[in-house]
């Protein structure tokens, strides 16, 4: 994914989602596209896995992630429940034995390693709001 970092970052910002969250989710879901279903499919977020989704680039996958999250009500979910509120909808309990709270902690840890803070809600024009996760 490193070779597409600028495109991923721009796709996250234009989609209204925090780039550190994108990085953290890619790490938690697929080791930045290097593990499992993501390999060779440019699908580091596990989008449409059961439907066989693949993308032409990681930036395209990030655009679809933004559209999916916004369709779930990303800003409202984030404001109500922090990142854990978003993850609770994206990968709820019972879906492949997911634990949203553990998943949230993993995303925050990985996102912070990129120098960002996934526990902040991106609200446009380089601004963010902090919410507890």
Protein backbone atom coordinates (compact mmCIF):
# COMPACT_ATOMS: atom_id res chain seq x y z
CA UNK A 1 0.00 0.00 0.00
CA UNK A 2 2.95 2.34 0.58
CA UNK A 3 3.35 3.05 -3.13
CA UNK A 4 -0.22 4.41 -3.19
CA UNK A 5 -0.02 6.37 0.07
CA UNK A 6 -0.77 9.77 -1.49
CA UNK A 7 -3.79 8.42 -3.43
CA UNK A 8 -5.14 6.63 -0.35
CA UNK A 9 -4.69 9.76 1.76
CA UNK A 10 -6.44 11.95 -0.81
CA UNK A 11 -9.28 9.44 -1.25
CA UNK A 12 -9.81 9.36 2.52
CA UNK A 13 -9.91 13.16 2.79
CA UNK A 14 -12.19 13.60 -0.23
CA UNK A 15 -14.48 10.90 1.20
CA UNK A 16 -14.63 12.68 4.55
CA UNK A 17 -12.88 10.01 6.60
CA UNK A 18 -9.78 10.21 8.77
CA UNK A 19 -6.68 8.89 6.93
CA UNK A 20 -5.29 7.50 10.21
CA UNK A 21 -8.49 5.47 10.58
CA UNK A 22 -8.05 4.18 7.02
CA UNK A 23 -4.48 3.11 7.80
CA UNK A 24 -5.49 1.52 11.10
CA UNK A 25 -8.36 -0.39 9.50
CA UNK A 26 -6.11 -1.66 6.69
CA UNK A 27 -3.60 -2.85 9.27
CA UNK A 28 -6.19 -4.55 11.46
CA UNK A 29 -8.10 -6.17 8.60
CA UNK A 30 -5.28 -7.38 6.37
CA UNK A 31 -1.80 -6.30 7.47
CA UNK A 32 -1.97 -3.41 4.97
CA UNK A 33 -3.21 -5.66 2.19
CA UNK A 34 -0.56 -8.33 2.70
CA UNK A 35 -2.71 -11.06 4.28
CA UNK A 36 -5.74 -13.17 3.57
CA UNK A 37 -8.38 -12.13 1.11
CA UNK A 38 -6.75 -8.75 0.40
CA UNK A 39 -3.74 -10.16 -1.41
CA UNK A 40 -3.89 -9.29 -5.10
CA UNK A 41 -7.31 -7.66 -4.82
CA UNK A 42 -6.43 -4.16 -3.57
CA UNK A 43 -9.03 -4.77 -0.83
CA UNK A 44 -7.30 -4.17 2.52
CA UNK A 45 -10.54 -3.32 4.36
CA UNK A 46 -12.48 -6.56 3.79
CA UNK A 47 -15.14 -4.79 1.74
CA UNK A 48 -17.55 -7.20 0.06
CA UNK A 49 -15.39 -10.20 0.85
CA UNK A 50 -18.35 -12.55 0.53
CA UNK A 51 -19.18 -10.98 -2.83
CA UNK A 52 -15.65 -11.31 -4.22
CA UNK A 53 -14.99 -7.58 -4.44
CA UNK A 54 -11.66 -6.45 -5.85
CA UNK A 55 -10.43 -3.01 -6.78
CA UNK A 56 -8.07 -1.54 -9.35
CA UNK A 57 -6.12 0.33 -6.69
CA UNK A 58 -6.00 0.95 -2.94
CA UNK A 59 -7.26 4.48 -3.60
CA UNK A 60 -10.35 2.99 -5.30
CA UNK A 61 -10.89 0.72 -2.28
CA UNK A 62 -10.56 3.75 0.00
CA UNK A 63 -13.20 5.62 -2.02
CA UNK A 64 -15.55 2.64 -1.64
CA UNK A 65 -14.76 2.46 2.09
CA UNK A 66 -15.69 6.14 2.48
CA UNK A 67 -18.92 5.62 0.56
CA UNK A 68 -19.77 2.54 2.65
CA UNK A 69 -19.02 4.25 5.96
CA UNK A 70 -20.94 7.37 5.01
CA UNK A 71 -23.84 5.12 4.02
CA UNK A 72 -23.75 3.67 7.54
CA UNK A 73 -23.90 7.19 8.96
CA UNK A 74 -20.19 7.53 9.79
CA UNK A 75 -20.17 11.08 11.20
CA UNK A 76 -23.27 10.51 13.35
CA UNK A 77 -22.06 7.10 14.57
CA UNK A 78 -18.68 8.62 15.42
CA UNK A 79 -20.21 11.52 17.32
CA UNK A 80 -22.48 9.17 19.29
CA UNK A 81 -20.04 6.37 20.06
CA UNK A 82 -16.56 7.33 18.90
CA UNK A 83 -14.61 5.00 16.69
CA UNK A 84 -16.10 2.04 18.57
CA UNK A 85 -19.55 3.16 17.39
CA UNK A 86 -18.39 3.07 13.79
CA UNK A 87 -16.69 -0.30 14.13
CA UNK A 88 -19.74 -1.71 15.89
CA UNK A 89 -21.64 -1.11 12.64
CA UNK A 90 -18.81 -1.99 10.23
CA UNK A 91 -17.89 -5.28 11.92
CA UNK A 92 -20.61 -6.06 14.48
CA UNK A 93 -20.53 -8.86 17.06
CA UNK A 94 -21.47 -12.18 15.56
CA UNK A 95 -19.99 -11.27 12.17
CA UNK A 96 -17.13 -13.77 11.82
CA UNK A 97 -16.70 -13.73 15.63
CA UNK A 98 -15.63 -10.08 15.62
CA UNK A 99 -15.07 -8.17 18.81
CA UNK A 100 -15.67 -4.50 17.93
CA UNK A 101 -13.91 -3.16 21.04
CA UNK A 102 -10.75 -5.23 20.43
CA UNK A 103 -10.92 -4.28 16.75
CA UNK A 104 -11.22 -0.60 17.69
CA UNK A 105 -8.16 -0.80 19.97
CA UNK A 106 -6.18 -2.46 17.17
CA UNK A 107 -7.21 0.23 14.66
CA UNK A 108 -6.28 3.05 17.04
CA UNK A 109 -2.90 1.49 17.79
CA UNK A 110 -2.06 0.93 14.11
CA UNK A 111 -3.36 4.34 13.05
CA UNK A 112 -1.25 6.09 15.67
CA UNK A 113 1.85 4.33 14.34
CA UNK A 114 1.27 6.28 11.11
CA UNK A 115 1.50 9.54 13.02
CA UNK A 116 -2.25 10.21 12.97
CA UNK A 117 -5.03 9.72 15.47
CA UNK A 118 -7.92 7.48 14.37
CA UNK A 119 -9.87 8.40 17.50
CA UNK A 120 -10.55 11.79 15.91
CA UNK A 121 -13.42 12.42 13.50
CA UNK A 122 -12.35 14.13 10.30
CA UNK A 123 -14.74 17.01 9.61
CA UNK A 124 -13.20 18.54 6.50
CA UNK A 125 -10.58 21.07 5.47
CA UNK A 126 -7.90 19.49 7.65
CA UNK A 127 -9.98 19.80 10.84
CA UNK A 128 -11.00 17.06 13.19
CA UNK A 129 -12.91 16.59 16.41
CA UNK A 130 -11.84 14.35 19.24
CA UNK A 131 -14.25 11.75 20.53
CA UNK A 132 -13.60 9.00 23.00
CA UNK A 133 -13.54 5.51 21.57
